[in-house]
Amino acid sequence: MTTDILIVGAGHNGLVCAFYLASAGLKVKLVEKRDVVGGAAVTEEFHPGFRNSVAAYTVSLLNPKVIADMNLSAYGLTVVERRASNFLPHPDGRYLLTGPGRTEAEIAKFSAADAAAYPRYSEAIDAIADVLRDLVLKAPPNLVEGGLIAGWPELVKAGGLARRLGRLPLARKRVLFDLFTQSAADFLDGWFESDHVKAVFGFDSIVGAFASPKTPGTAYVQLHHCFGEVNGKKGVWGHALGGMGAITQAMAEACRAKGVEIETGAAVREIIVERNRAQGVALADGRSLRARGVVSNLNPRLLFASLVPADALPADFLARIRRWKCGSGTFRMNVALSELPSFTCLPGRAIGDHHTSGIIIAPTLSYMDRAYHDAREFGWSRKPIVEMLIPSTLDPSLAPKGAHVASLFCQHVAPELPDGASWDDHRDEVADLMIRTVDGYAPGFARSVVGRQINSPLDLERTFGLVGGDIFHGALSLDQLFSARPMLGYADYRSPLRGLYMCGSGTHPGGGVTGAPGHNAARAVARDFRLRLA
């Protein structure tokens, strides 16, 4: 049977897109450069006896509709919740441990006024997140040329959005405007007085962003991390038993059950263009695969600047996509531990709630700001930001009995080092710094590290196609969001080249392990093939 759709990249969004298109009756084939499906959401053994989520490392944003439609639980996916949300230790011996039922009391240790403000803050964030959550599985209004008739469907879509936002009270509209235009620091200054309280919420504003929390637009990045839920509980974070690879392995099984063909070890060299249309892909091994349509799960800049012949694209589009902002300042490590860390502010090596949380080494927003400017000047921050998760506290299968694995999500580092230096020459030096940074809060941590895996920005790009180490396939800045993601006129998951579609995180609603871009792209393809998706 002739292949209807070829999908380039078997990351989670490619798998989601394949599932929906195969469910609609299309013959779908996925090709993946690596020898394993999953993209950046994979589980691997990185030290004898120790397995971990190599790149993507925690669950919340994965859309409930995608989970239900693909019936991922039937294919072995189980997500367990953290016992606490975030743990922020401080050099002065104090700490914040947030989570359902405990955040307000923890804030009160630092500021009675902030504790009183927290319920209003939380209610406002939840209300805005609910509105935007409704938009995640919908294509944004797309700017089109051709007058009223051509643009009418998009006008209708924009009208629906306006009515949804119009139902917000004026006070909520003001908060929404603030979140899209302000820096995280300015936004949080309007709610709280304690630097430590601002830090525990403001950390999310620089996750995946090479920016200071004082950079305009980072308030939205903070909000982006509030869309999620785990097991029906909004705003909760968790871990997939077996690591993030359990998600994509379950997705792959769901795809195969629908007849999707998945080929690994199949790197794409070029998109085949004939008669001004994408007709398939040329593989690095010399083979050519033909299809009626091609869907890319790659970073838009990687796709259009490297795989599509330049003469097949409008010059203005190509010039703009080459300026697509990538680079998230991420240095990702996995470490094998002989024992759990004992923190100066909360001693003990027995599993505590704080060990199951996101452990944030970044005591203030000013600390995060200095880290960013350090990285801009020197290549990496001399006092870096580290978020540590220890998933083996909730999933003992990841490590030998009594031992543990930890994910270190480290920032800030420059995607490209100054003066032409290579990350290959500095990765171990920076890894040592990250471990020393954690050791400063948990003495003995460095001694407990018995193995480690390092992914510099360059490693993330080479291994996973994350250009500049960008975990979101493009910055979540105002000029790269919603109808402008990846570009005005192409927010509908289609491209300037007929027959070529986009389903990756470089499309709406952006990055994270959500499955939403794959879901939405499948709808666009199905519409063009005159099919209906459930």
Protein backbone atom coordinates (compact mmCIF):
# COMPACT_ATOMS: atom_id res chain seq x y z
CA MET A 1 0.00 0.00 0.00
CA THR A 2 1.26 3.49 -0.89
CA THR A 3 2.33 5.55 2.09
CA ASP A 4 0.02 8.51 2.64
CA ILE A 5 2.04 10.37 5.26
CA LEU A 6 5.73 10.29 6.16
CA ILE A 7 6.58 11.79 9.55
CA VAL A 8 10.16 12.91 10.16
CA GLY A 9 11.18 12.42 13.78
CA ALA A 10 9.65 9.91 16.23
CA GLY A 11 9.62 12.24 19.21
CA HIS A 12 6.43 12.37 21.22
CA ASN A 13 4.69 14.89 18.93
CA GLY A 14 5.53 12.83 15.85
CA LEU A 15 4.08 9.76 17.53
CA VAL A 16 0.92 11.61 18.54
CA CYS A 17 0.44 12.96 15.03
CA ALA A 18 0.98 9.50 13.54
CA PHE A 19 -1.57 7.95 15.89
CA TYR A 20 -4.35 10.37 14.98
CA LEU A 21 -3.70 10.19 11.24
CA ALA A 22 -3.57 6.39 11.28
CA SER A 23 -6.78 6.36 13.31
CA ALA A 24 -8.39 8.37 10.50
CA GLY A 25 -7.46 5.67 8.01
CA LEU A 26 -4.22 6.98 6.50
CA LYS A 27 -1.17 4.81 5.87
CA VAL A 28 1.53 6.42 8.04
CA LYS A 29 5.26 5.83 8.34
CA LEU A 30 7.60 7.40 10.90
CA VAL A 31 11.33 7.72 10.27
CA GLU A 32 13.70 8.44 13.15
CA LYS A 33 17.41 9.25 13.06
CA ARG A 34 18.22 7.57 16.37
CA ASP A 35 17.97 3.86 17.12
CA VAL A 36 15.17 4.45 19.63
CA VAL A 37 11.87 6.27 19.39
CA GLY A 38 11.00 9.11 21.73
CA GLY A 39 13.16 12.05 20.72
CA ALA A 40 14.14 13.85 23.91
CA ALA A 41 11.64 11.82 25.98
CA VAL A 42 13.64 8.62 26.41
CA THR A 43 14.94 6.44 29.23
CA GLU A 44 18.45 5.01 28.98
CA GLU A 45 20.98 3.26 31.18
CA PHE A 46 23.75 5.83 31.60
CA HIS A 47 25.80 3.98 34.26
CA PRO A 48 25.73 0.23 35.00
CA GLY A 49 22.50 -0.47 36.87
CA PHE A 50 21.28 3.15 36.72
CA ARG A 51 18.58 4.31 34.29
CA ASN A 52 17.07 7.75 33.94
CA SER A 53 15.16 10.09 31.67
CA VAL A 54 18.07 11.36 29.60
CA ALA A 55 16.73 14.75 28.46
CA ALA A 56 13.06 15.56 29.23
CA TYR A 57 12.64 14.54 32.84
CA THR A 58 9.23 15.24 34.43
CA VAL A 59 5.51 15.04 33.62
CA SER A 60 2.72 17.60 33.90
CA LEU A 61 2.07 19.19 30.52
CA LEU A 62 1.16 15.96 28.69
CA ASN A 63 -2.37 16.66 27.53
CA PRO A 64 -5.14 14.56 29.16
CA LYS A 65 -7.01 14.19 25.85
CA VAL A 66 -3.90 12.75 24.21
CA ILE A 67 -3.41 10.33 27.12
CA ALA A 68 -7.04 9.20 26.89
CA ASP A 69 -7.28 9.00 23.09
CA MET A 70 -4.11 6.94 22.83
CA ASN A 71 -5.16 4.88 25.87
CA LEU A 72 -1.59 5.09 27.14
CA SER A 73 -2.40 3.40 30.44
CA ALA A 74 -3.31 0.25 28.51
CA TYR A 75 0.23 0.28 27.11
CA GLY A 76 1.84 0.50 30.52
CA LEU A 77 2.02 4.22 31.31
CA THR A 78 1.66 5.09 35.00
CA VAL A 79 2.42 8.55 36.34
CA VAL A 80 3.05 9.04 40.06
CA GLU A 81 2.76 12.42 41.73
CA ARG A 82 5.49 14.21 43.63
CA ARG A 83 4.87 14.32 47.37
CA ALA A 84 5.80 18.02 47.27
CA SER A 85 6.05 20.42 44.35
CA ASN A 86 9.27 22.39 44.85
CA PHE A 87 11.99 22.65 47.48
CA LEU A 88 14.03 25.84 47.63
CA PRO A 89 16.92 25.62 50.13
CA HIS A 90 18.61 28.83 51.23
CA PRO A 91 22.18 29.48 52.32
CA ASP A 92 20.90 31.04 55.58
CA GLY A 93 19.50 27.67 56.71
CA ARG A 94 15.87 28.30 55.84
CA TYR A 95 13.86 26.66 53.08
CA LEU A 96 10.56 26.72 51.20
CA LEU A 97 8.74 23.46 50.48
CA THR A 98 5.69 24.05 48.31
CA GLY A 99 2.84 21.82 47.27
CA PRO A 100 -0.90 21.28 47.66
CA GLY A 101 -1.99 22.10 51.20
CA ARG A 102 1.37 23.42 52.35
CA THR A 103 2.45 26.40 50.23
CA GLU A 104 0.67 29.15 52.18
CA ALA A 105 2.10 28.02 55.53
CA GLU A 106 5.58 27.74 54.03
CA ILE A 107 5.36 31.27 52.62
CA ALA A 108 4.29 32.54 56.04
CA LYS A 109 7.72 31.54 57.39
CA PHE A 110 9.12 34.35 55.23
CA SER A 111 6.30 36.90 55.06
CA ALA A 112 2.83 37.11 56.59
CA ALA A 113 1.84 39.58 53.88
CA ASP A 114 2.95 37.20 51.14
CA ALA A 115 1.04 34.33 52.76
CA ALA A 116 -2.07 36.50 52.70
CA ALA A 117 -1.46 37.40 49.05
CA TYR A 118 -0.82 33.84 47.91
CA PRO A 119 -4.46 32.64 47.63
CA ARG A 120 -5.30 35.64 45.42
CA TYR A 121 -2.18 35.05 43.32
CA SER A 122 -2.92 31.35 42.95
CA GLU A 123 -6.55 32.01 42.01
CA ALA A 124 -5.52 34.55 39.36
CA ILE A 125 -2.89 32.25 37.82
CA ASP A 126 -5.30 29.31 37.82
CA ALA A 127 -8.02 31.36 36.13
CA ILE A 128 -5.67 32.55 33.36
CA ALA A 129 -4.19 29.07 32.96
CA ASP A 130 -7.71 27.64 32.54
CA VAL A 131 -8.43 30.08 29.71
CA LEU A 132 -5.19 29.35 27.90
CA ARG A 133 -5.50 25.63 28.56
CA ASP A 134 -8.65 25.72 26.44
CA LEU A 135 -6.58 27.06 23.54
CA VAL A 136 -3.86 24.41 23.65
CA LEU A 137 -5.68 21.94 21.39
CA LYS A 138 -6.85 24.56 18.91
CA ALA A 139 -4.89 26.04 16.02
CA PRO A 140 -4.48 29.79 16.57
CA PRO A 141 -5.98 32.30 14.10
CA ASN A 142 -3.72 32.35 11.06
CA LEU A 143 -3.02 35.45 9.00
CA VAL A 144 -3.78 34.73 5.36
CA GLU A 145 -3.78 36.68 2.12
CA GLY A 146 -6.62 36.73 -0.38
CA GLY A 147 -9.23 39.05 1.06
CA LEU A 148 -12.36 38.42 3.11
CA ILE A 149 -13.37 35.12 1.51
CA ALA A 150 -9.97 33.50 2.09
CA GLY A 151 -9.70 34.96 5.57
CA TRP A 152 -13.24 34.30 6.77
CA PRO A 153 -12.50 31.01 8.64
CA GLU A 154 -9.65 32.70 10.49
CA LEU A 155 -11.86 35.68 11.35
CA VAL A 156 -14.42 33.29 12.81
CA LYS A 157 -11.67 31.63 14.83
CA ALA A 158 -10.40 35.00 16.07
CA GLY A 159 -13.96 35.97 16.99
CA GLY A 160 -14.34 32.85 19.10
CA LEU A 161 -11.10 33.65 20.88
CA ALA A 162 -12.24 37.23 21.49
CA ARG A 163 -15.52 36.00 23.00
CA ARG A 164 -13.66 33.58 25.28
CA LEU A 165 -11.29 36.29 26.51
CA GLY A 166 -14.14 38.78 26.67
CA ARG A 167 -15.84 36.72 29.37
CA LEU A 168 -12.90 37.35 31.69
CA PRO A 169 -13.49 40.03 34.33
CA LEU A 170 -11.51 43.20 33.72
CA ALA A 171 -9.18 42.43 36.63
CA ARG A 172 -8.30 39.08 35.03
CA LYS A 173 -7.71 40.72 31.65
CA ARG A 174 -5.19 43.00 33.33
CA VAL A 175 -3.39 39.99 34.79
CA LEU A 176 -3.38 38.31 31.38
CA PHE A 177 -1.89 41.42 29.79
CA ASP A 178 0.77 41.57 32.51
CA LEU A 179 1.72 37.95 31.95
CA PHE A 180 2.23 38.43 28.23
CA THR A 181 4.19 41.68 28.46
CA GLN A 182 6.07 41.85 31.75
CA SER A 183 9.19 40.23 33.09
CA ALA A 184 8.65 37.60 35.75
CA ALA A 185 10.41 39.85 38.25
CA ASP A 186 8.07 42.78 37.58
CA PHE A 187 5.02 40.53 37.68
CA LEU A 188 6.00 38.91 40.97
CA ASP A 189 6.95 42.29 42.48
CA GLY A 190 3.28 43.18 42.14
CA TRP A 191 2.27 40.28 44.35
CA PHE A 192 5.01 39.49 46.87
CA GLU A 193 7.66 41.21 49.00
CA SER A 194 9.97 38.33 49.97
CA ASP A 195 12.86 37.64 47.58
CA HIS A 196 12.75 33.97 48.53
CA VAL A 197 9.03 33.64 47.76
CA LYS A 198 9.50 35.34 44.40
CA ALA A 199 12.32 32.92 43.59
CA VAL A 200 10.26 29.75 44.11
CA PHE A 201 7.65 30.96 41.62
CA GLY A 202 10.00 32.86 39.31
CA PHE A 203 12.27 29.89 38.65
CA ASP A 204 9.81 28.60 36.05
CA SER A 205 10.27 31.82 34.08
CA ILE A 206 13.80 30.88 33.05
CA VAL A 207 13.23 27.14 32.52
CA GLY A 208 14.17 26.49 28.92
CA ALA A 209 14.81 30.18 28.33
CA PHE A 210 18.22 31.80 27.95
CA ALA A 211 17.02 34.90 29.75
CA SER A 212 17.00 36.71 33.06
CA PRO A 213 13.79 36.73 35.12
CA LYS A 214 14.07 40.50 34.62
CA THR A 215 13.72 40.09 30.83
CA PRO A 216 10.33 41.25 29.47
CA GLY A 217 8.26 38.27 28.35
CA THR A 218 9.52 35.83 30.97
CA ALA A 219 6.26 36.14 32.91
CA TYR A 220 4.63 34.18 30.09
CA VAL A 221 7.30 31.46 30.28
CA GLN A 222 6.41 31.16 33.98
CA LEU A 223 2.72 30.83 33.06
CA HIS A 224 3.49 28.23 30.37
CA HIS A 225 4.54 25.82 33.10
CA CYS A 226 1.18 26.18 34.87
CA PHE A 227 -0.95 24.56 32.14
CA GLY A 228 -0.37 21.02 33.26
CA GLU A 229 -2.02 18.37 35.37
CA VAL A 230 -1.30 14.86 36.58
CA ASN A 231 -3.99 12.25 37.15
CA GLY A 232 -6.69 14.91 36.85
CA LYS A 233 -5.07 17.29 39.35
CA LYS A 234 -4.22 20.69 37.86
CA GLY A 235 -0.84 22.23 38.52
CA VAL A 236 0.64 18.98 39.83
CA TRP A 237 3.92 17.46 38.59
CA GLY A 238 4.91 13.83 38.54
CA HIS A 239 7.13 11.09 37.17
CA ALA A 240 6.40 8.36 34.64
CA LEU A 241 7.29 4.99 36.13
CA GLY A 242 10.17 3.75 34.01
CA GLY A 243 11.18 7.30 33.07
CA MET A 244 10.04 9.53 30.23
CA GLY A 245 10.73 6.72 27.80
CA ALA A 246 7.70 4.94 29.24
CA ILE A 247 5.54 7.67 27.69
CA THR A 248 6.97 7.40 24.19
CA GLN A 249 7.20 3.61 24.27
CA ALA A 250 3.50 3.49 25.15
CA MET A 251 2.81 5.95 22.33
CA ALA A 252 4.78 3.81 19.89
CA GLU A 253 2.75 0.73 20.86
CA ALA A 254 -0.48 2.69 20.39
CA CYS A 255 0.74 3.74 16.94
CA ARG A 256 1.70 0.22 15.91
CA ALA A 257 -1.73 -1.00 16.98
CA LYS A 258 -3.16 1.44 14.42
CA GLY A 259 -0.84 0.13 11.69
CA VAL A 260 1.84 2.83 11.83
CA GLU A 261 5.23 1.70 10.51
CA ILE A 262 8.16 3.01 12.56
CA GLU A 263 11.71 2.85 11.22
CA THR A 264 14.61 3.85 13.45
CA GLY A 265 18.20 4.48 12.37
CA ALA A 266 16.80 6.34 9.38
CA ALA A 267 18.25 9.85 9.21
CA VAL A 268 16.65 12.20 6.68
CA ARG A 269 19.04 14.03 4.36
CA GLU A 270 16.54 16.09 2.39
CA ILE A 271 12.87 16.68 1.72
CA ILE A 272 12.08 15.62 -1.85
CA VAL A 273 10.43 18.46 -3.76
CA GLU A 274 8.86 17.91 -7.16
CA ARG A 275 6.30 20.07 -8.98
CA ASN A 276 6.43 22.57 -6.12
CA ARG A 277 5.27 19.99 -3.60
CA ALA A 278 6.85 17.80 -0.90
CA GLN A 279 6.80 14.28 -2.30
CA GLY A 280 8.80 12.35 0.29
CA VAL A 281 12.25 12.22 1.89
CA ALA A 282 15.76 11.23 0.85
CA LEU A 283 17.53 9.27 3.59
CA ALA A 284 21.18 9.48 4.52
CA ASP A 285 21.63 5.84 3.46
CA GLY A 286 20.67 6.72 -0.13
CA ARG A 287 17.08 5.49 -0.13
CA SER A 288 14.13 7.62 -1.16
CA LEU A 289 10.71 7.24 0.48
CA ARG A 290 7.64 8.63 -1.25
CA ALA A 291 4.36 9.82 0.25
CA ARG A 292 1.40 12.07 -0.45
CA GLY A 293 2.42 14.34 2.43
CA VAL A 294 5.36 14.91 4.78
CA VAL A 295 5.10 16.03 8.42
CA SER A 296 8.15 17.33 10.28
CA ASN A 297 8.64 17.00 14.03
CA LEU A 298 11.90 19.00 13.84
CA ASN A 299 12.87 22.47 14.98
CA PRO A 300 11.59 24.80 12.21
CA ARG A 301 15.04 26.26 11.61
CA LEU A 302 16.57 22.81 11.27
CA LEU A 303 13.83 21.74 8.86
CA PHE A 304 13.76 24.71 6.50
CA ALA A 305 17.39 25.79 6.64
CA SER A 306 18.89 22.29 6.37
CA LEU A 307 16.46 19.81 4.79
CA VAL A 308 14.31 21.77 2.33
CA PRO A 309 15.99 22.99 -0.88
CA ALA A 310 16.34 26.75 -0.59
CA ASP A 311 14.80 27.39 -4.00
CA ALA A 312 11.59 25.64 -2.88
CA LEU A 313 10.85 28.34 -0.29
CA PRO A 314 9.94 32.04 -0.56
CA ALA A 315 13.05 34.14 0.05
CA ASP A 316 11.44 36.21 2.82
CA PHE A 317 10.23 33.09 4.64
CA LEU A 318 13.67 31.48 4.49
CA ALA A 319 15.42 34.65 5.68
CA ARG A 320 13.05 34.92 8.64
CA ILE A 321 13.20 31.26 9.62
CA ARG A 322 16.98 31.43 9.65
CA ARG A 323 16.55 34.11 12.34
CA TRP A 324 14.26 31.85 14.40
CA LYS A 325 15.50 32.32 17.97
CA CYS A 326 16.87 29.12 19.50
CA GLY A 327 19.04 28.42 22.50
CA SER A 328 17.74 27.76 25.98
CA GLY A 329 20.92 27.92 28.05
CA THR A 330 20.49 24.33 29.18
CA PHE A 331 23.19 22.01 30.50
CA ARG A 332 21.59 18.64 31.27
CA MET A 333 23.15 15.99 33.51
CA ASN A 334 22.18 12.61 34.93
CA VAL A 335 24.02 11.35 37.98
CA ALA A 336 24.15 8.00 39.76
CA LEU A 337 24.16 8.42 43.55
CA SER A 338 25.29 6.07 46.26
CA GLU A 339 22.96 7.82 48.72
CA LEU A 340 20.40 10.61 48.94
CA PRO A 341 21.63 14.17 49.56
CA SER A 342 21.34 15.60 53.05
CA PHE A 343 20.69 19.35 52.94
CA THR A 344 22.13 21.73 55.49
CA CYS A 345 18.72 23.35 55.94
CA LEU A 346 16.85 20.02 56.14
CA PRO A 347 19.23 17.19 57.13
CA GLY A 348 18.58 13.51 56.62
CA ARG A 349 19.23 10.83 54.01
CA ALA A 350 15.99 8.91 54.49
CA ILE A 351 13.47 9.73 51.73
CA GLY A 352 11.59 12.88 52.67
CA ASP A 353 8.94 14.81 50.81
CA HIS A 354 11.56 17.31 49.68
CA HIS A 355 13.56 14.55 47.98
CA THR A 356 10.58 13.81 45.70
CA SER A 357 10.15 17.44 44.64
CA GLY A 358 11.87 19.77 42.22
CA ILE A 359 14.92 20.94 44.19
CA ILE A 360 15.82 24.47 43.09
CA ILE A 361 19.32 25.81 43.69
CA ALA A 362 18.70 29.50 42.97
CA PRO A 363 17.80 31.43 46.13
CA THR A 364 16.67 34.76 44.61
CA LEU A 365 15.69 36.34 41.31
CA SER A 366 18.81 38.52 41.55
CA TYR A 367 20.90 35.34 41.75
CA MET A 368 19.20 34.13 38.55
CA ASP A 369 19.77 37.49 36.88
CA ARG A 370 23.49 37.39 37.71
CA ALA A 371 23.71 33.82 36.42
CA TYR A 372 22.28 34.92 33.08
CA HIS A 373 24.63 37.87 32.66
CA ASP A 374 27.58 35.71 33.71
CA ALA A 375 26.73 33.22 30.99
CA ARG A 376 26.40 35.96 28.39
CA GLU A 377 29.86 37.27 29.26
CA PHE A 378 31.84 34.16 30.19
CA GLY A 379 29.94 31.28 28.57
CA TRP A 380 28.52 29.86 31.78
CA SER A 381 27.46 31.25 35.13
CA ARG A 382 30.02 31.04 37.89
CA LYS A 383 27.13 30.56 40.35
CA PRO A 384 24.74 28.52 38.19
CA ILE A 385 21.10 27.60 38.57
CA VAL A 386 20.42 23.91 39.16
CA GLU A 387 17.10 22.12 39.41
CA MET A 388 17.55 18.59 40.74
CA LEU A 389 14.97 15.83 40.62
CA ILE A 390 15.51 12.41 42.17
CA PRO A 391 12.92 10.20 40.44
CA SER A 392 14.17 7.01 42.10
CA THR A 393 12.52 8.24 45.33
CA LEU A 394 9.21 7.50 43.59
CA ASP A 395 10.39 4.81 41.16
CA PRO A 396 12.93 2.41 42.74
CA SER A 397 13.28 0.49 39.46
CA LEU A 398 15.65 3.16 38.14
CA ALA A 399 18.57 2.36 40.47
CA PRO A 400 20.04 -0.51 42.51
CA LYS A 401 18.57 -0.98 45.98
CA GLY A 402 19.70 1.78 48.33
CA ALA A 403 21.09 3.90 45.48
CA HIS A 404 19.43 6.67 43.48
CA VAL A 405 19.49 8.58 40.21
CA ALA A 406 19.14 12.33 39.87
CA SER A 407 18.40 14.64 36.97
CA LEU A 408 20.29 17.92 37.04
CA PHE A 409 18.66 20.56 34.85
CA CYS A 410 21.34 23.23 34.88
CA GLN A 411 21.24 26.86 33.76
CA HIS A 412 22.61 29.29 32.70
CA VAL A 413 25.09 28.37 30.00
CA ALA A 414 25.54 30.02 26.61
CA PRO A 415 24.32 27.94 23.65
CA GLU A 416 27.51 29.00 21.87
CA LEU A 417 30.63 29.81 23.83
CA PRO A 418 32.44 33.12 23.26
CA ASP A 419 35.58 33.39 21.13
CA GLY A 420 34.75 30.26 19.16
CA ALA A 421 35.41 27.87 22.06
CA SER A 422 33.84 24.40 21.84
CA TRP A 423 31.59 22.85 24.46
CA ASP A 424 33.48 19.60 23.90
CA ASP A 425 36.49 21.21 25.59
CA HIS A 426 34.58 22.55 28.63
CA ARG A 427 31.76 20.13 29.35
CA ASP A 428 33.55 18.28 32.18
CA GLU A 429 34.71 21.53 33.76
CA VAL A 430 31.14 22.85 33.85
CA ALA A 431 29.76 19.50 35.04
CA ASP A 432 32.15 19.67 38.01
CA LEU A 433 30.86 23.17 38.76
CA MET A 434 27.24 22.01 38.74
CA ILE A 435 27.99 19.20 41.17
CA ARG A 436 29.94 21.56 43.46
CA THR A 437 26.98 23.94 43.40
CA VAL A 438 24.64 21.25 44.74
CA ASP A 439 27.31 20.15 47.22
CA GLY A 440 27.30 23.68 48.66
CA TYR A 441 23.72 23.12 49.81
CA ALA A 442 24.02 19.39 50.52
CA PRO A 443 27.57 18.64 51.76
CA GLY A 444 28.71 15.19 50.67
CA PHE A 445 26.69 15.23 47.47
CA ALA A 446 29.80 15.32 45.28
CA ARG A 447 31.23 12.32 47.10
CA SER A 448 28.01 10.36 46.51
CA VAL A 449 28.19 10.73 42.70
CA VAL A 450 29.39 7.37 41.33
CA GLY A 451 28.58 8.01 37.67
CA ARG A 452 27.40 10.83 35.45
CA GLN A 453 26.15 11.61 31.97
CA ILE A 454 26.70 15.08 30.52
CA ASN A 455 24.67 16.81 27.82
CA SER A 456 25.99 20.26 26.97
CA PRO A 457 23.99 22.46 24.57
CA LEU A 458 26.11 21.03 21.76
CA ASP A 459 25.42 17.46 22.88
CA LEU A 460 21.68 18.18 23.02
CA GLU A 461 21.81 19.52 19.48
CA ARG A 462 23.84 16.64 18.07
CA THR A 463 21.89 13.88 19.82
CA PHE A 464 18.32 15.16 19.84
CA GLY A 465 18.26 17.91 17.19
CA LEU A 466 17.68 20.57 19.86
CA VAL A 467 19.25 23.53 18.06
CA GLY A 468 21.39 25.48 20.50
CA GLY A 469 20.23 23.04 23.19
CA ASP A 470 16.76 24.61 22.91
CA ILE A 471 14.32 22.29 24.68
CA PHE A 472 11.33 24.20 23.25
CA HIS A 473 12.39 24.15 19.54
CA GLY A 474 12.40 27.95 19.70
CA ALA A 475 12.15 30.66 22.34
CA LEU A 476 8.75 31.27 23.96
CA SER A 477 8.99 35.00 23.37
CA LEU A 478 6.04 37.16 22.34
CA ASP A 479 7.25 37.30 18.72
CA GLN A 480 7.36 33.48 18.57
CA LEU A 481 4.05 32.59 20.22
CA PHE A 482 0.49 31.75 19.17
CA SER A 483 -0.21 33.10 15.64
CA ALA A 484 3.49 33.94 15.23
CA ARG A 485 4.71 30.41 15.97
CA PRO A 486 6.69 29.74 13.90
CA MET A 487 5.74 32.72 11.74
CA LEU A 488 2.76 34.91 10.90
CA GLY A 489 0.93 33.24 8.04
CA TYR A 490 2.09 29.73 8.98
CA ALA A 491 0.55 29.13 12.41
CA ASP A 492 -1.81 26.47 11.01
CA TYR A 493 0.82 23.68 10.96
CA ARG A 494 1.21 24.05 7.21
CA SER A 495 4.31 25.41 5.48
CA PRO A 496 4.95 27.48 2.34
CA LEU A 497 5.71 24.22 0.53
CA ARG A 498 2.57 22.31 -0.38
CA GLY A 499 2.39 18.89 1.20
CA LEU A 500 4.85 19.76 4.00
CA TYR A 501 3.48 20.16 7.53
CA MET A 502 4.94 20.87 10.97
CA CYS A 503 4.00 19.03 14.19
CA GLY A 504 6.85 19.83 16.59
CA SER A 505 7.25 22.16 19.55
CA GLY A 506 8.16 25.00 17.18
CA THR A 507 4.42 25.27 16.53
CA HIS A 508 1.57 26.29 18.86
CA PRO A 509 1.36 25.86 21.83
CA GLY A 510 5.13 25.45 22.15
CA GLY A 511 7.50 23.31 24.14
CA GLY A 512 7.27 20.70 26.83
CA VAL A 513 6.06 17.11 26.59
CA THR A 514 2.47 18.02 25.73
CA GLY A 515 1.48 16.15 22.57
CA ALA A 516 -0.62 19.19 21.63
CA PRO A 517 1.33 20.21 18.49
CA GLY A 518 1.11 16.64 17.20
CA HIS A 519 -2.63 16.54 17.89
CA ASN A 520 -3.27 19.89 16.19
CA ALA A 521 -1.08 19.16 13.18
CA ALA A 522 -2.95 15.90 12.59
CA ARG A 523 -6.17 17.90 12.38
CA ALA A 524 -4.67 20.18 9.73
CA VAL A 525 -3.45 17.22 7.66
CA ALA A 526 -6.76 15.39 8.02
CA ARG A 527 -8.64 18.49 6.88
CA ASP A 528 -6.52 18.70 3.73
CA PHE A 529 -7.08 14.99 3.09
CA ARG A 530 -10.81 15.50 3.70
CA LEU A 531 -10.88 13.23 6.70
CA ARG A 532 -12.44 13.73 10.09
CA LEU A 533 -10.61 13.07 13.35
CA ALA A 534 -12.31 12.09 16.59
